[in-house]
Amino acid sequence: DAGKQKHRLVVYENKYRFIYYGAIFHTSECVVDT
């Protein structure tokens, strides 16, 4: 949350997906398993 670019956090079961959006039809995700 302290990062420069806005992201979306999606939580499903034990996985946290930090989604960063680029241009149309492009996303980069950091998927964290806990």
Full PDB file with SEQRES, HELIX, SHEET, SSBOND, CRYST1, ORIGX, SCALE, CONECT and MASTER records, all heavy atoms in Angstrom:
SEQRES   1 A   34  ASP ALA GLY LYS GLN LYS HIS ARG LEU VAL VAL TYR GLU          
SEQRES   2 A   34  ASN LYS TYR ARG PHE ILE TYR TYR GLY ALA ILE PHE HIS          
SEQRES   3 A   34  THR SER GLU CYS VAL VAL ASP THR                              
SHEET    1 AA1 3 ARG A   8  TYR A  12  0                                        
SHEET    2 AA1 3 LYS A  15  TYR A  21 -1                                        
SHEET    3 AA1 3 THR A  27  ASP A  33 -1                                        
CRYST1    1.000    1.000    1.000  90.00  90.00  90.00 P 1           1          
ORIGX1      1.000000  0.000000  0.000000        0.00000                         
ORIGX2      0.000000  1.000000  0.000000        0.00000                         
ORIGX3      0.000000  0.000000  1.000000        0.00000                         
SCALE1      1.000000  0.000000  0.000000        0.00000                         
SCALE2      0.000000  1.000000  0.000000        0.00000                         
SCALE3      0.000000  0.000000  1.000000        0.00000                         
ATOM      1  N   ASP A   1       0.818  -1.218   0.000  1.00  0.00           N  
ATOM      2  CA  ASP A   1       0.000   0.000   0.000  1.00  0.00           C  
ATOM      3  C   ASP A   1       0.848   1.264   0.000  1.00  0.00           C  
ATOM      4  O   ASP A   1       0.398   2.314  -0.431  1.00  0.00           O  
ATOM      5  CB  ASP A   1      -0.935   0.010   1.198  1.00  0.00           C  
ATOM      6  CG  ASP A   1      -2.041  -1.030   1.073  1.00  0.00           C  
ATOM      7  OD1 ASP A   1      -2.292  -1.496  -0.065  1.00  0.00           O  
ATOM      8  OD2 ASP A   1      -2.644  -1.376   2.103  1.00  0.00           O  
ATOM      9  N   ALA A   2       2.077   1.170   0.482  1.00  0.00           N  
ATOM     10  CA  ALA A   2       2.965   2.331   0.512  1.00  0.00           C  
ATOM     11  C   ALA A   2       3.661   2.561  -0.826  1.00  0.00           C  
ATOM     12  O   ALA A   2       4.371   3.545  -0.988  1.00  0.00           O  
ATOM     13  CB  ALA A   2       4.013   2.149   1.605  1.00  0.00           C  
ATOM     14  N   GLY A   3       3.461   1.672  -1.795  1.00  0.00           N  
ATOM     15  CA  GLY A   3       4.099   1.797  -3.110  1.00  0.00           C  
ATOM     16  C   GLY A   3       3.585   2.983  -3.893  1.00  0.00           C  
ATOM     17  O   GLY A   3       2.593   3.624  -3.541  1.00  0.00           O  
ATOM     18  N   LYS A   4       4.279   3.290  -4.984  1.00  0.00           N  
ATOM     19  CA  LYS A   4       3.951   4.456  -5.802  1.00  0.00           C  
ATOM     20  C   LYS A   4       2.695   4.250  -6.648  1.00  0.00           C  
ATOM     21  O   LYS A   4       1.892   5.150  -6.806  1.00  0.00           O  
ATOM     22  CB  LYS A   4       5.120   4.798  -6.724  1.00  0.00           C  
ATOM     23  CG  LYS A   4       6.367   5.226  -6.003  1.00  0.00           C  
ATOM     24  CD  LYS A   4       7.480   5.490  -6.992  1.00  0.00           C  
ATOM     25  CE  LYS A   4       8.761   5.841  -6.282  1.00  0.00           C  
ATOM     26  NZ  LYS A   4       9.870   6.022  -7.209  1.00  0.00           N  
ATOM     27  N   GLN A   5       2.565   3.079  -7.224  1.00  0.00           N  
ATOM     28  CA  GLN A   5       1.472   2.844  -8.165  1.00  0.00           C  
ATOM     29  C   GLN A   5       0.310   2.148  -7.473  1.00  0.00           C  
ATOM     30  O   GLN A   5       0.498   1.283  -6.625  1.00  0.00           O  
ATOM     31  CB  GLN A   5       1.960   1.986  -9.334  1.00  0.00           C  
ATOM     32  CG  GLN A   5       0.961   1.886 -10.453  1.00  0.00           C  
ATOM     33  CD  GLN A   5       1.544   1.169 -11.664  1.00  0.00           C  
ATOM     34  OE1 GLN A   5       2.679   0.750 -11.651  1.00  0.00           O  
ATOM     35  NE2 GLN A   5       0.750   1.039 -12.699  1.00  0.00           N  
ATOM     36  N   LYS A   6      -0.906   2.534  -7.845  1.00  0.00           N  
ATOM     37  CA  LYS A   6      -2.090   1.904  -7.282  1.00  0.00           C  
ATOM     38  C   LYS A   6      -2.187   0.459  -7.751  1.00  0.00           C  
ATOM     39  O   LYS A   6      -1.788   0.131  -8.852  1.00  0.00           O  
ATOM     40  CB  LYS A   6      -3.351   2.651  -7.685  1.00  0.00           C  
ATOM     41  CG  LYS A   6      -3.479   3.976  -7.028  1.00  0.00           C  
ATOM     42  CD  LYS A   6      -4.850   4.563  -7.268  1.00  0.00           C  
ATOM     43  CE  LYS A   6      -5.007   5.792  -6.428  1.00  0.00           C  
ATOM     44  NZ  LYS A   6      -6.362   6.080  -6.104  1.00  0.00           N  
ATOM     45  N   HIS A   7      -2.725  -0.369  -6.882  1.00  0.00           N  
ATOM     46  CA  HIS A   7      -2.904  -1.772  -7.210  1.00  0.00           C  
ATOM     47  C   HIS A   7      -4.249  -2.236  -6.668  1.00  0.00           C  
ATOM     48  O   HIS A   7      -4.888  -1.548  -5.878  1.00  0.00           O  
ATOM     49  CB  HIS A   7      -1.780  -2.625  -6.614  1.00  0.00           C  
ATOM     50  CG  HIS A   7      -1.781  -2.623  -5.121  1.00  0.00           C  
ATOM     51  ND1 HIS A   7      -1.204  -1.624  -4.399  1.00  0.00           N  
ATOM     52  CD2 HIS A   7      -2.324  -3.476  -4.225  1.00  0.00           C  
ATOM     53  CE1 HIS A   7      -1.374  -1.866  -3.119  1.00  0.00           C  
ATOM     54  NE2 HIS A   7      -2.057  -2.986  -2.974  1.00  0.00           N  
ATOM     55  N   ARG A   8      -4.623  -3.401  -7.093  1.00  0.00           N  
ATOM     56  CA  ARG A   8      -5.854  -4.016  -6.599  1.00  0.00           C  
ATOM     57  C   ARG A   8      -5.456  -5.288  -5.865  1.00  0.00           C  
ATOM     58  O   ARG A   8      -4.626  -6.050  -6.346  1.00  0.00           O  
ATOM     59  CB  ARG A   8      -6.765  -4.336  -7.768  1.00  0.00           C  
ATOM     60  CG  ARG A   8      -8.061  -4.964  -7.349  1.00  0.00           C  
ATOM     61  CD  ARG A   8      -8.946  -5.189  -8.546  1.00  0.00           C  
ATOM     62  NE  ARG A   8     -10.172  -5.839  -8.099  1.00  0.00           N  
ATOM     63  CZ  ARG A   8     -10.990  -6.486  -8.893  1.00  0.00           C  
ATOM     64  NH1 ARG A   8     -10.734  -6.545 -10.178  1.00  0.00           N  
ATOM     65  NH2 ARG A   8     -12.062  -7.047  -8.419  1.00  0.00           N  
ATOM     66  N   LEU A   9      -6.049  -5.501  -4.713  1.00  0.00           N  
ATOM     67  CA  LEU A   9      -5.774  -6.691  -3.928  1.00  0.00           C  
ATOM     68  C   LEU A   9      -6.973  -7.617  -3.983  1.00  0.00           C  
ATOM     69  O   LEU A   9      -8.087  -7.229  -3.644  1.00  0.00           O  
ATOM     70  CB  LEU A   9      -5.464  -6.319  -2.473  1.00  0.00           C  
ATOM     71  CG  LEU A   9      -5.264  -7.482  -1.501  1.00  0.00           C  
ATOM     72  CD1 LEU A   9      -4.078  -8.331  -1.928  1.00  0.00           C  
ATOM     73  CD2 LEU A   9      -5.067  -6.957  -0.097  1.00  0.00           C  
ATOM     74  N   VAL A  10      -6.745  -8.844  -4.439  1.00  0.00           N  
ATOM     75  CA  VAL A  10      -7.787  -9.864  -4.495  1.00  0.00           C  
ATOM     76  C   VAL A  10      -7.330 -11.021  -3.622  1.00  0.00           C  
ATOM     77  O   VAL A  10      -6.231 -11.537  -3.796  1.00  0.00           O  
ATOM     78  CB  VAL A  10      -8.021 -10.349  -5.947  1.00  0.00           C  
ATOM     79  CG1 VAL A  10      -9.048 -11.455  -5.975  1.00  0.00           C  
ATOM     80  CG2 VAL A  10      -8.446  -9.196  -6.826  1.00  0.00           C  
ATOM     81  N   VAL A  11      -8.180 -11.404  -2.685  1.00  0.00           N  
ATOM     82  CA  VAL A  11      -7.852 -12.497  -1.773  1.00  0.00           C  
ATOM     83  C   VAL A  11      -8.794 -13.659  -2.062  1.00  0.00           C  
ATOM     84  O   VAL A  11     -10.010 -13.501  -2.059  1.00  0.00           O  
ATOM     85  CB  VAL A  11      -7.996 -12.064  -0.305  1.00  0.00           C  
ATOM     86  CG1 VAL A  11      -7.634 -13.207   0.626  1.00  0.00           C  
ATOM     87  CG2 VAL A  11      -7.159 -10.827  -0.023  1.00  0.00           C  
ATOM     88  N   TYR A  12      -8.212 -14.823  -2.313  1.00  0.00           N  
ATOM     89  CA  TYR A  12      -8.996 -16.033  -2.546  1.00  0.00           C  
ATOM     90  C   TYR A  12      -8.319 -17.169  -1.803  1.00  0.00           C  
ATOM     91  O   TYR A  12      -7.174 -17.521  -2.106  1.00  0.00           O  
ATOM     92  CB  TYR A  12      -9.091 -16.345  -4.038  1.00  0.00           C  
ATOM     93  CG  TYR A  12      -9.893 -17.583  -4.342  1.00  0.00           C  
ATOM     94  CD1 TYR A  12     -11.272 -17.589  -4.180  1.00  0.00           C  
ATOM     95  CD2 TYR A  12      -9.276 -18.746  -4.758  1.00  0.00           C  
ATOM     96  CE1 TYR A  12     -12.011 -18.725  -4.441  1.00  0.00           C  
ATOM     97  CE2 TYR A  12     -10.003 -19.890  -5.032  1.00  0.00           C  
ATOM     98  CZ  TYR A  12     -11.378 -19.870  -4.865  1.00  0.00           C  
ATOM     99  OH  TYR A  12     -12.107 -21.004  -5.119  1.00  0.00           O  
ATOM    100  N   GLU A  13      -9.020 -17.703  -0.819  1.00  0.00           N  
ATOM    101  CA  GLU A  13      -8.492 -18.737   0.058  1.00  0.00           C  
ATOM    102  C   GLU A  13      -7.192 -18.243   0.677  1.00  0.00           C  
ATOM    103  O   GLU A  13      -7.195 -17.258   1.386  1.00  0.00           O  
ATOM    104  CB  GLU A  13      -8.360 -20.067  -0.677  1.00  0.00           C  
ATOM    105  CG  GLU A  13      -9.694 -20.643  -1.089  1.00  0.00           C  
ATOM    106  CD  GLU A  13      -9.585 -21.962  -1.830  1.00  0.00           C  
ATOM    107  OE1 GLU A  13      -8.454 -22.428  -2.097  1.00  0.00           O  
ATOM    108  OE2 GLU A  13     -10.647 -22.532  -2.129  1.00  0.00           O  
ATOM    109  N   ASN A  14      -6.076 -18.877   0.418  1.00  0.00           N  
ATOM    110  CA  ASN A  14      -4.802 -18.463   1.014  1.00  0.00           C  
ATOM    111  C   ASN A  14      -3.906 -17.700   0.050  1.00  0.00           C  
ATOM    112  O   ASN A  14      -2.727 -17.529   0.318  1.00  0.00           O  
ATOM    113  CB  ASN A  14      -4.040 -19.693   1.536  1.00  0.00           C  
ATOM    114  CG  ASN A  14      -4.722 -20.326   2.719  1.00  0.00           C  
ATOM    115  OD1 ASN A  14      -5.410 -19.647   3.468  1.00  0.00           O  
ATOM    116  ND2 ASN A  14      -4.553 -21.622   2.879  1.00  0.00           N  
ATOM    117  N   LYS A  15      -4.453 -17.265  -1.065  1.00  0.00           N  
ATOM    118  CA  LYS A  15      -3.650 -16.549  -2.060  1.00  0.00           C  
ATOM    119  C   LYS A  15      -4.052 -15.084  -2.102  1.00  0.00           C  
ATOM    120  O   LYS A  15      -5.222 -14.743  -2.160  1.00  0.00           O  
ATOM    121  CB  LYS A  15      -3.813 -17.173  -3.440  1.00  0.00           C  
ATOM    122  CG  LYS A  15      -3.200 -18.547  -3.543  1.00  0.00           C  
ATOM    123  CD  LYS A  15      -3.119 -18.982  -4.985  1.00  0.00           C  
ATOM    124  CE  LYS A  15      -2.626 -20.389  -5.088  1.00  0.00           C  
ATOM    125  NZ  LYS A  15      -1.202 -20.496  -5.153  1.00  0.00           N  
ATOM    126  N   TYR A  16      -3.049 -14.235  -2.089  1.00  0.00           N  
ATOM    127  CA  TYR A  16      -3.234 -12.792  -2.193  1.00  0.00           C  
ATOM    128  C   TYR A  16      -2.673 -12.364  -3.539  1.00  0.00           C  
ATOM    129  O   TYR A  16      -1.503 -12.602  -3.834  1.00  0.00           O  
ATOM    130  CB  TYR A  16      -2.491 -12.066  -1.069  1.00  0.00           C  
ATOM    131  CG  TYR A  16      -3.093 -12.295   0.294  1.00  0.00           C  
ATOM    132  CD1 TYR A  16      -2.917 -13.497   0.968  1.00  0.00           C  
ATOM    133  CD2 TYR A  16      -3.841 -11.297   0.903  1.00  0.00           C  
ATOM    134  CE1 TYR A  16      -3.467 -13.709   2.219  1.00  0.00           C  
ATOM    135  CE2 TYR A  16      -4.396 -11.500   2.160  1.00  0.00           C  
ATOM    136  CZ  TYR A  16      -4.203 -12.697   2.807  1.00  0.00           C  
ATOM    137  OH  TYR A  16      -4.757 -12.905   4.044  1.00  0.00           O  
ATOM    138  N   ARG A  17      -3.523 -11.731  -4.348  1.00  0.00           N  
ATOM    139  CA  ARG A  17      -3.097 -11.264  -5.671  1.00  0.00           C  
ATOM    140  C   ARG A  17      -3.011  -9.744  -5.653  1.00  0.00           C  
ATOM    141  O   ARG A  17      -4.009  -9.066  -5.483  1.00  0.00           O  
ATOM    142  CB  ARG A  17      -4.080 -11.697  -6.750  1.00  0.00           C  
ATOM    143  CG  ARG A  17      -4.140 -13.169  -6.960  1.00  0.00           C  
ATOM    144  CD  ARG A  17      -5.210 -13.514  -8.000  1.00  0.00           C  
ATOM    145  NE  ARG A  17      -5.016 -14.842  -8.520  1.00  0.00           N  
ATOM    146  CZ  ARG A  17      -4.259 -15.132  -9.575  1.00  0.00           C  
ATOM    147  NH1 ARG A  17      -3.664 -14.180 -10.230  1.00  0.00           N  
ATOM    148  NH2 ARG A  17      -4.114 -16.372  -9.959  1.00  0.00           N  
ATOM    149  N   PHE A  18      -1.812  -9.228  -5.841  1.00  0.00           N  
ATOM    150  CA  PHE A  18      -1.583  -7.791  -5.957  1.00  0.00           C  
ATOM    151  C   PHE A  18      -1.506  -7.499  -7.448  1.00  0.00           C  
ATOM    152  O   PHE A  18      -0.533  -7.861  -8.111  1.00  0.00           O  
ATOM    153  CB  PHE A  18      -0.294  -7.392  -5.248  1.00  0.00           C  
ATOM    154  CG  PHE A  18      -0.323  -7.665  -3.770  1.00  0.00           C  
ATOM    155  CD1 PHE A  18       0.035  -8.906  -3.263  1.00  0.00           C  
ATOM    156  CD2 PHE A  18      -0.733  -6.676  -2.899  1.00  0.00           C  
ATOM    157  CE1 PHE A  18       0.005  -9.159  -1.913  1.00  0.00           C  
ATOM    158  CE2 PHE A  18      -0.768  -6.917  -1.531  1.00  0.00           C  
ATOM    159  CZ  PHE A  18      -0.403  -8.162  -1.038  1.00  0.00           C  
ATOM    160  N   ILE A  19      -2.542  -6.856  -7.980  1.00  0.00           N  
ATOM    161  CA  ILE A  19      -2.673  -6.669  -9.424  1.00  0.00           C  
ATOM    162  C   ILE A  19      -2.338  -5.227  -9.787  1.00  0.00           C  
ATOM    163  O   ILE A  19      -2.941  -4.286  -9.264  1.00  0.00           O  
ATOM    164  CB  ILE A  19      -4.099  -7.018  -9.895  1.00  0.00           C  
ATOM    165  CG1 ILE A  19      -4.450  -8.450  -9.489  1.00  0.00           C  
ATOM    166  CG2 ILE A  19      -4.216  -6.839 -11.404  1.00  0.00           C  
ATOM    167  CD1 ILE A  19      -5.905  -8.806  -9.721  1.00  0.00           C  
ATOM    168  N   TYR A  20      -1.400  -5.068 -10.697  1.00  0.00           N  
ATOM    169  CA  TYR A  20      -1.015  -3.758 -11.230  1.00  0.00           C  
ATOM    170  C   TYR A  20      -1.465  -3.690 -12.683  1.00  0.00           C  
ATOM    171  O   TYR A  20      -1.188  -4.589 -13.466  1.00  0.00           O  
ATOM    172  CB  TYR A  20       0.504  -3.561 -11.139  1.00  0.00           C  
ATOM    173  CG  TYR A  20       0.984  -3.444  -9.712  1.00  0.00           C  
ATOM    174  CD1 TYR A  20       1.347  -4.573  -8.991  1.00  0.00           C  
ATOM    175  CD2 TYR A  20       1.058  -2.215  -9.088  1.00  0.00           C  
ATOM    176  CE1 TYR A  20       1.772  -4.474  -7.684  1.00  0.00           C  
ATOM    177  CE2 TYR A  20       1.484  -2.105  -7.780  1.00  0.00           C  
ATOM    178  CZ  TYR A  20       1.837  -3.234  -7.084  1.00  0.00           C  
ATOM    179  OH  TYR A  20       2.259  -3.131  -5.783  1.00  0.00           O  
ATOM    180  N   TYR A  21      -2.124  -2.604 -13.027  1.00  0.00           N  
ATOM    181  CA  TYR A  21      -2.688  -2.463 -14.368  1.00  0.00           C  
ATOM    182  C   TYR A  21      -1.784  -1.635 -15.265  1.00  0.00           C  
ATOM    183  O   TYR A  21      -1.288  -0.587 -14.872  1.00  0.00           O  
ATOM    184  CB  TYR A  21      -4.066  -1.800 -14.305  1.00  0.00           C  
ATOM    185  CG  TYR A  21      -5.089  -2.659 -13.619  1.00  0.00           C  
ATOM    186  CD1 TYR A  21      -5.412  -2.465 -12.286  1.00  0.00           C  
ATOM    187  CD2 TYR A  21      -5.719  -3.684 -14.302  1.00  0.00           C  
ATOM    188  CE1 TYR A  21      -6.337  -3.266 -11.649  1.00  0.00           C  
ATOM    189  CE2 TYR A  21      -6.649  -4.492 -13.679  1.00  0.00           C  
ATOM    190  CZ  TYR A  21      -6.952  -4.273 -12.349  1.00  0.00           C  
ATOM    191  OH  TYR A  21      -7.860  -5.082 -11.728  1.00  0.00           O  
ATOM    192  N   GLY A  22      -1.604  -2.135 -16.484  1.00  0.00           N  
ATOM    193  CA  GLY A  22      -0.905  -1.391 -17.516  1.00  0.00           C  
ATOM    194  C   GLY A  22      -1.941  -0.791 -18.457  1.00  0.00           C  
ATOM    195  O   GLY A  22      -2.994  -0.332 -18.034  1.00  0.00           O  
ATOM    196  N   ALA A  23      -1.643  -0.827 -19.746  1.00  0.00           N  
ATOM    197  CA  ALA A  23      -2.600  -0.347 -20.746  1.00  0.00           C  
ATOM    198  C   ALA A  23      -3.694  -1.402 -20.906  1.00  0.00           C  
ATOM    199  O   ALA A  23      -3.734  -2.390 -20.179  1.00  0.00           O  
ATOM    200  CB  ALA A  23      -1.889  -0.084 -22.069  1.00  0.00           C  
ATOM    201  N   ILE A  24      -4.541  -1.213 -21.846  1.00  0.00           N  
ATOM    202  CA  ILE A  24      -5.687  -2.101 -22.044  1.00  0.00           C  
ATOM    203  C   ILE A  24      -5.213  -3.547 -22.241  1.00  0.00           C  
ATOM    204  O   ILE A  24      -4.236  -3.809 -22.935  1.00  0.00           O  
ATOM    205  CB  ILE A  24      -6.545  -1.603 -23.230  1.00  0.00           C  
ATOM    206  CG1 ILE A  24      -7.859  -2.333 -23.291  1.00  0.00           C  
ATOM    207  CG2 ILE A  24      -5.796  -1.719 -24.530  1.00  0.00           C  
ATOM    208  CD1 ILE A  24      -8.863  -1.678 -24.204  1.00  0.00           C  
ATOM    209  N   PHE A  25      -5.863  -4.482 -21.577  1.00  0.00           N  
ATOM    210  CA  PHE A  25      -5.584  -5.919 -21.649  1.00  0.00           C  
ATOM    211  C   PHE A  25      -4.210  -6.308 -21.104  1.00  0.00           C  
ATOM    212  O   PHE A  25      -3.653  -7.328 -21.495  1.00  0.00           O  
ATOM    213  CB  PHE A  25      -5.723  -6.459 -23.074  1.00  0.00           C  
ATOM    214  CG  PHE A  25      -7.068  -6.226 -23.681  1.00  0.00           C  
ATOM    215  CD1 PHE A  25      -7.188  -5.564 -24.885  1.00  0.00           C  
ATOM    216  CD2 PHE A  25      -8.220  -6.661 -23.049  1.00  0.00           C  
ATOM    217  CE1 PHE A  25      -8.430  -5.348 -25.451  1.00  0.00           C  
ATOM    218  CE2 PHE A  25      -9.460  -6.451 -23.610  1.00  0.00           C  
ATOM    219  CZ  PHE A  25      -9.566  -5.792 -24.811  1.00  0.00           C  
ATOM    220  N   HIS A  26      -3.634  -5.537 -20.195  1.00  0.00           N  
ATOM    221  CA  HIS A  26      -2.329  -5.879 -19.628  1.00  0.00           C  
ATOM    222  C   HIS A  26      -2.378  -5.709 -18.116  1.00  0.00           C  
ATOM    223  O   HIS A  26      -2.725  -4.648 -17.621  1.00  0.00           O  
ATOM    224  CB  HIS A  26      -1.236  -4.978 -20.210  1.00  0.00           C  
ATOM    225  CG  HIS A  26       0.131  -5.346 -19.725  1.00  0.00           C  
ATOM    226  ND1 HIS A  26       0.950  -6.196 -20.402  1.00  0.00           N  
ATOM    227  CD2 HIS A  26       0.806  -4.995 -18.611  1.00  0.00           C  
ATOM    228  CE1 HIS A  26       2.076  -6.347 -19.747  1.00  0.00           C  
ATOM    229  NE2 HIS A  26       2.013  -5.625 -18.642  1.00  0.00           N  
ATOM    230  N   THR A  27      -2.026  -6.762 -17.398  1.00  0.00           N  
ATOM    231  CA  THR A  27      -1.869  -6.682 -15.947  1.00  0.00           C  
ATOM    232  C   THR A  27      -0.617  -7.452 -15.545  1.00  0.00           C  
ATOM    233  O   THR A  27      -0.222  -8.408 -16.206  1.00  0.00           O  
ATOM    234  CB  THR A  27      -3.072  -7.290 -15.181  1.00  0.00           C  
ATOM    235  OG1 THR A  27      -3.210  -8.659 -15.534  1.00  0.00           O  
ATOM    236  CG2 THR A  27      -4.348  -6.541 -15.472  1.00  0.00           C  
ATOM    237  N   SER A  28      -0.020  -7.003 -14.469  1.00  0.00           N  
ATOM    238  CA  SER A  28       1.084  -7.721 -13.848  1.00  0.00           C  
ATOM    239  C   SER A  28       0.670  -8.013 -12.419  1.00  0.00           C  
ATOM    240  O   SER A  28       0.160  -7.137 -11.732  1.00  0.00           O  
ATOM    241  CB  SER A  28       2.352  -6.881 -13.865  1.00  0.00           C  
ATOM    242  OG  SER A  28       2.759  -6.646 -15.188  1.00  0.00           O  
ATOM    243  N   GLU A  29       0.893  -9.243 -11.997  1.00  0.00           N  
ATOM    244  CA  GLU A  29       0.441  -9.655 -10.671  1.00  0.00           C  
ATOM    245  C   GLU A  29       1.598 -10.217  -9.864  1.00  0.00           C  
ATOM    246  O   GLU A  29       2.467 -10.891 -10.397  1.00  0.00           O  
ATOM    247  CB  GLU A  29      -0.624 -10.736 -10.766  1.00  0.00           C  
ATOM    248  CG  GLU A  29      -1.831 -10.361 -11.570  1.00  0.00           C  
ATOM    249  CD  GLU A  29      -2.823 -11.504 -11.680  1.00  0.00           C  
ATOM    250  OE1 GLU A  29      -2.768 -12.429 -10.841  1.00  0.00           O  
ATOM    251  OE2 GLU A  29      -3.638 -11.479 -12.599  1.00  0.00           O  
ATOM    252  N   CYS A  30       1.542  -9.943  -8.579  1.00  0.00           N  
ATOM    253  CA  CYS A  30       2.405 -10.614  -7.621  1.00  0.00           C  
ATOM    254  C   CYS A  30       1.466 -11.475  -6.781  1.00  0.00           C  
ATOM    255  O   CYS A  30       0.651 -10.955  -6.029  1.00  0.00           O  
ATOM    256  CB  CYS A  30       3.160  -9.610  -6.764  1.00  0.00           C  
ATOM    257  SG  CYS A  30       4.243 -10.400  -5.559  1.00  0.00           S  
ATOM    258  N   VAL A  31       1.556 -12.780  -6.943  1.00  0.00           N  
ATOM    259  CA  VAL A  31       0.672 -13.716  -6.254  1.00  0.00           C  
ATOM    260  C   VAL A  31       1.425 -14.284  -5.057  1.00  0.00           C  
ATOM    261  O   VAL A  31       2.473 -14.915  -5.215  1.00  0.00           O  
ATOM    262  CB  VAL A  31       0.206 -14.848  -7.192  1.00  0.00           C  
ATOM    263  CG1 VAL A  31      -0.721 -15.795  -6.464  1.00  0.00           C  
ATOM    264  CG2 VAL A  31      -0.464 -14.267  -8.423  1.00  0.00           C  
ATOM    265  N   VAL A  32       0.873 -14.042  -3.864  1.00  0.00           N  
ATOM    266  CA  VAL A  32       1.513 -14.475  -2.624  1.00  0.00           C  
ATOM    267  C   VAL A  32       0.674 -15.580  -2.001  1.00  0.00           C  
ATOM    268  O   VAL A  32      -0.514 -15.403  -1.768  1.00  0.00           O  
ATOM    269  CB  VAL A  32       1.659 -13.291  -1.646  1.00  0.00           C  
ATOM    270  CG1 VAL A  32       2.315 -13.747  -0.360  1.00  0.00           C  
ATOM    271  CG2 VAL A  32       2.440 -12.159  -2.296  1.00  0.00           C  
ATOM    272  N   ASP A  33       1.316 -16.702  -1.732  1.00  0.00           N  
ATOM    273  CA  ASP A  33       0.639 -17.840  -1.100  1.00  0.00           C  
ATOM    274  C   ASP A  33       0.969 -17.819   0.389  1.00  0.00           C  
ATOM    275  O   ASP A  33       2.129 -17.629   0.770  1.00  0.00           O  
ATOM    276  CB  ASP A  33       1.117 -19.142  -1.741  1.00  0.00           C  
ATOM    277  CG  ASP A  33       0.244 -20.324  -1.377  1.00  0.00           C  
ATOM    278  OD1 ASP A  33      -0.850 -20.110  -0.823  1.00  0.00           O  
ATOM    279  OD2 ASP A  33       0.664 -21.458  -1.651  1.00  0.00           O  
ATOM    280  N   THR A  34      -0.057 -18.012   1.229  1.00  0.00           N  
ATOM    281  CA  THR A  34       0.144 -17.937   2.676  1.00  0.00           C  
ATOM    282  C   THR A  34      -0.413 -19.178   3.374  1.00  0.00           C  
ATOM    283  O   THR A  34      -1.274 -19.872   2.841  1.00  0.00           O  
ATOM    284  CB  THR A  34      -0.557 -16.702   3.271  1.00  0.00           C  
ATOM    285  OG1 THR A  34      -1.959 -16.810   3.043  1.00  0.00           O  
ATOM    286  CG2 THR A  34      -0.036 -15.423   2.664  1.00  0.00           C  
TER     287      THR A  34                                                      
MASTER        0    0    0    0    3    0    0    6  286    1    0    3          
END                                                                             
